[in-house]
């Protein structure tokens, strides 16, 4: 089983602004979000199938606890409440489908994959995908 535990710093990011646009975030909030999320601090603790992920930026900190294969509550990147279900897509990749609790919006998901010394985080909103690559801090 892969070990996601560690502190991670972002090395690169692609399509974050485009994904926020797909989520319907206005231009001013996108500008703030892109600046704030340019250097996120990510802490992951893993105990078997149980994960704790804390993501901190200058504007917001999010924390999520989940067990792979069990539904849990979290928020989409733009702050809407959803039910999520994480599953192993491959030996080294967790895929998480998000379902909004109320209202309409694009279909969203995230995945985290260990690839060598890198953590590949992917967010999706319908057909728009944001990829962020992290290295251990």
Protein backbone atom coordinates (compact mmCIF):
# COMPACT_ATOMS: atom_id res chain seq x y z
CA UNK A 1 0.00 0.00 0.00
CA UNK A 2 1.38 3.45 -0.90
CA UNK A 3 2.24 5.87 1.89
CA UNK A 4 0.81 9.37 1.31
CA UNK A 5 1.85 10.54 4.80
CA UNK A 6 3.92 13.69 4.84
CA UNK A 7 4.10 17.41 4.36
CA UNK A 8 3.86 18.50 0.74
CA UNK A 9 4.69 21.72 -1.10
CA UNK A 10 3.38 22.61 -4.53
CA UNK A 11 5.83 22.43 -7.42
CA UNK A 12 3.45 23.34 -10.28
CA UNK A 13 -0.19 24.07 -11.06
CA UNK A 14 -2.11 24.00 -14.34
CA UNK A 15 -5.65 25.23 -15.09
CA UNK A 16 -6.61 26.34 -11.56
CA UNK A 17 -8.15 29.61 -12.79
CA UNK A 18 -9.94 27.76 -15.61
CA UNK A 19 -11.40 25.30 -13.14
CA UNK A 20 -12.65 28.12 -10.91
CA UNK A 21 -14.31 29.66 -13.99
CA UNK A 22 -16.03 26.33 -14.71
CA UNK A 23 -17.33 26.38 -11.12
CA UNK A 24 -18.82 29.83 -11.68
CA UNK A 25 -16.46 31.76 -9.38
CA UNK A 26 -16.40 35.46 -10.32
CA UNK A 27 -13.25 37.18 -11.61
CA UNK A 28 -12.42 39.07 -8.40
CA UNK A 29 -12.75 35.98 -6.17
CA UNK A 30 -10.75 33.94 -8.70
CA UNK A 31 -7.90 36.45 -8.52
CA UNK A 32 -7.84 36.21 -4.69
CA UNK A 33 -8.13 32.39 -4.79
CA UNK A 34 -5.36 31.97 -7.37
CA UNK A 35 -2.99 34.21 -5.35
CA UNK A 36 -3.85 32.54 -2.04
CA UNK A 37 -3.57 29.02 -3.44
CA UNK A 38 -0.25 29.63 -5.17
CA UNK A 39 1.72 28.16 -2.24
CA UNK A 40 -0.55 25.77 -0.34
CA UNK A 41 0.82 23.76 2.56
CA UNK A 42 -0.55 20.20 2.55
CA UNK A 43 -0.27 17.75 5.42
CA UNK A 44 -1.42 14.17 4.94
CA UNK A 45 -1.67 11.50 7.62
CA UNK A 46 -2.50 7.99 6.49
CA UNK A 47 -3.24 4.95 8.61
CA UNK A 48 -4.10 2.13 6.22
CA UNK A 49 -7.35 3.15 4.51
CA UNK A 50 -7.93 6.16 6.81
CA UNK A 51 -6.77 9.58 5.59
CA UNK A 52 -6.52 13.02 7.17
CA UNK A 53 -5.69 15.83 4.74
CA UNK A 54 -5.13 19.43 5.84
CA UNK A 55 -4.60 22.09 3.19
CA UNK A 56 -3.58 25.58 4.35
CA UNK A 57 -3.34 28.78 2.32
CA UNK A 58 -3.09 32.42 3.40
CA UNK A 59 -6.88 32.73 3.07
CA UNK A 60 -8.36 29.39 4.10
CA UNK A 61 -7.58 26.07 5.76
CA UNK A 62 -9.52 22.93 4.95
CA UNK A 63 -9.40 19.61 6.76
CA UNK A 64 -10.94 16.35 5.69
CA UNK A 65 -10.99 12.93 7.36
CA UNK A 66 -12.16 9.92 5.41
CA UNK A 67 -11.98 6.17 5.07
CA UNK A 68 -11.56 4.84 1.54
CA UNK A 69 -14.83 3.18 0.48
CA UNK A 70 -17.04 5.11 2.94
CA UNK A 71 -19.06 8.21 2.09
CA UNK A 72 -18.08 11.42 3.90
CA UNK A 73 -18.95 15.12 3.97
CA UNK A 74 -16.66 17.76 2.53
CA UNK A 75 -16.74 20.92 0.43
CA UNK A 76 -15.95 21.44 -3.23
CA UNK A 77 -13.03 23.72 -4.13
CA UNK A 78 -15.48 26.64 -4.29
CA UNK A 79 -16.98 25.87 -0.87
CA UNK A 80 -20.23 24.03 -1.71
CA UNK A 81 -21.19 21.19 0.63
CA UNK A 82 -21.11 17.72 -0.88
CA UNK A 83 -21.05 14.01 -0.15
CA UNK A 84 -17.86 12.36 -1.32
CA UNK A 85 -16.77 8.80 -1.91
CA UNK A 86 -13.09 7.93 -2.29
CA UNK A 87 -11.93 4.68 -3.84
CA UNK A 88 -8.66 3.21 -5.07
CA UNK A 89 -8.52 3.74 -8.83
CA UNK A 90 -5.09 2.10 -9.05
CA UNK A 91 -2.60 0.83 -6.49
CA UNK A 92 -1.19 4.38 -6.05
CA UNK A 93 -4.22 6.56 -6.91
CA UNK A 94 -7.30 7.57 -4.93
CA UNK A 95 -10.26 8.89 -6.92
CA UNK A 96 -13.04 10.79 -5.14
CA UNK A 97 -16.43 11.56 -6.66
CA UNK A 98 -18.31 14.50 -5.15
CA UNK A 99 -22.12 14.88 -5.14
CA UNK A 100 -23.62 18.27 -4.22
CA UNK A 101 -25.99 18.20 -1.25
CA UNK A 102 -28.17 20.96 -2.74
CA UNK A 103 -28.33 23.13 -5.84
CA UNK A 104 -26.92 22.53 -9.27
CA UNK A 105 -23.42 22.77 -10.55
CA UNK A 106 -20.78 20.96 -12.54
CA UNK A 107 -19.84 17.39 -11.71
CA UNK A 108 -16.75 17.57 -9.50
CA UNK A 109 -14.06 15.14 -8.39
CA UNK A 110 -10.52 15.02 -7.12
CA UNK A 111 -7.78 12.42 -7.24
CA UNK A 112 -4.45 12.02 -5.51
CA UNK A 113 -1.74 9.83 -6.95
CA UNK A 114 1.76 9.00 -5.77
CA UNK A 115 4.12 8.91 -8.73
CA UNK A 116 7.72 8.44 -7.63
CA UNK A 117 8.53 11.27 -5.21
CA UNK A 118 5.61 13.39 -6.40
CA UNK A 119 1.99 13.72 -5.33
CA UNK A 120 -0.29 14.48 -8.28
CA UNK A 121 -3.50 16.23 -7.22
CA UNK A 122 -6.21 16.53 -9.86
CA UNK A 123 -9.43 18.53 -9.48
CA UNK A 124 -12.19 18.34 -12.05
CA UNK A 125 -15.31 20.37 -12.81
CA UNK A 126 -17.18 18.79 -15.74
CA UNK A 127 -14.61 18.72 -18.56
CA UNK A 128 -12.13 21.17 -16.99
CA UNK A 129 -9.24 19.58 -15.11
CA UNK A 130 -6.69 21.25 -12.85
CA UNK A 131 -3.46 19.40 -12.09
CA UNK A 132 -1.19 20.31 -9.19
CA UNK A 133 2.10 18.56 -8.57
CA UNK A 134 3.58 18.44 -5.06
CA UNK A 135 6.90 17.29 -3.63
CA UNK A 136 7.66 16.38 -0.04
CA UNK A 137 8.66 19.40 2.02
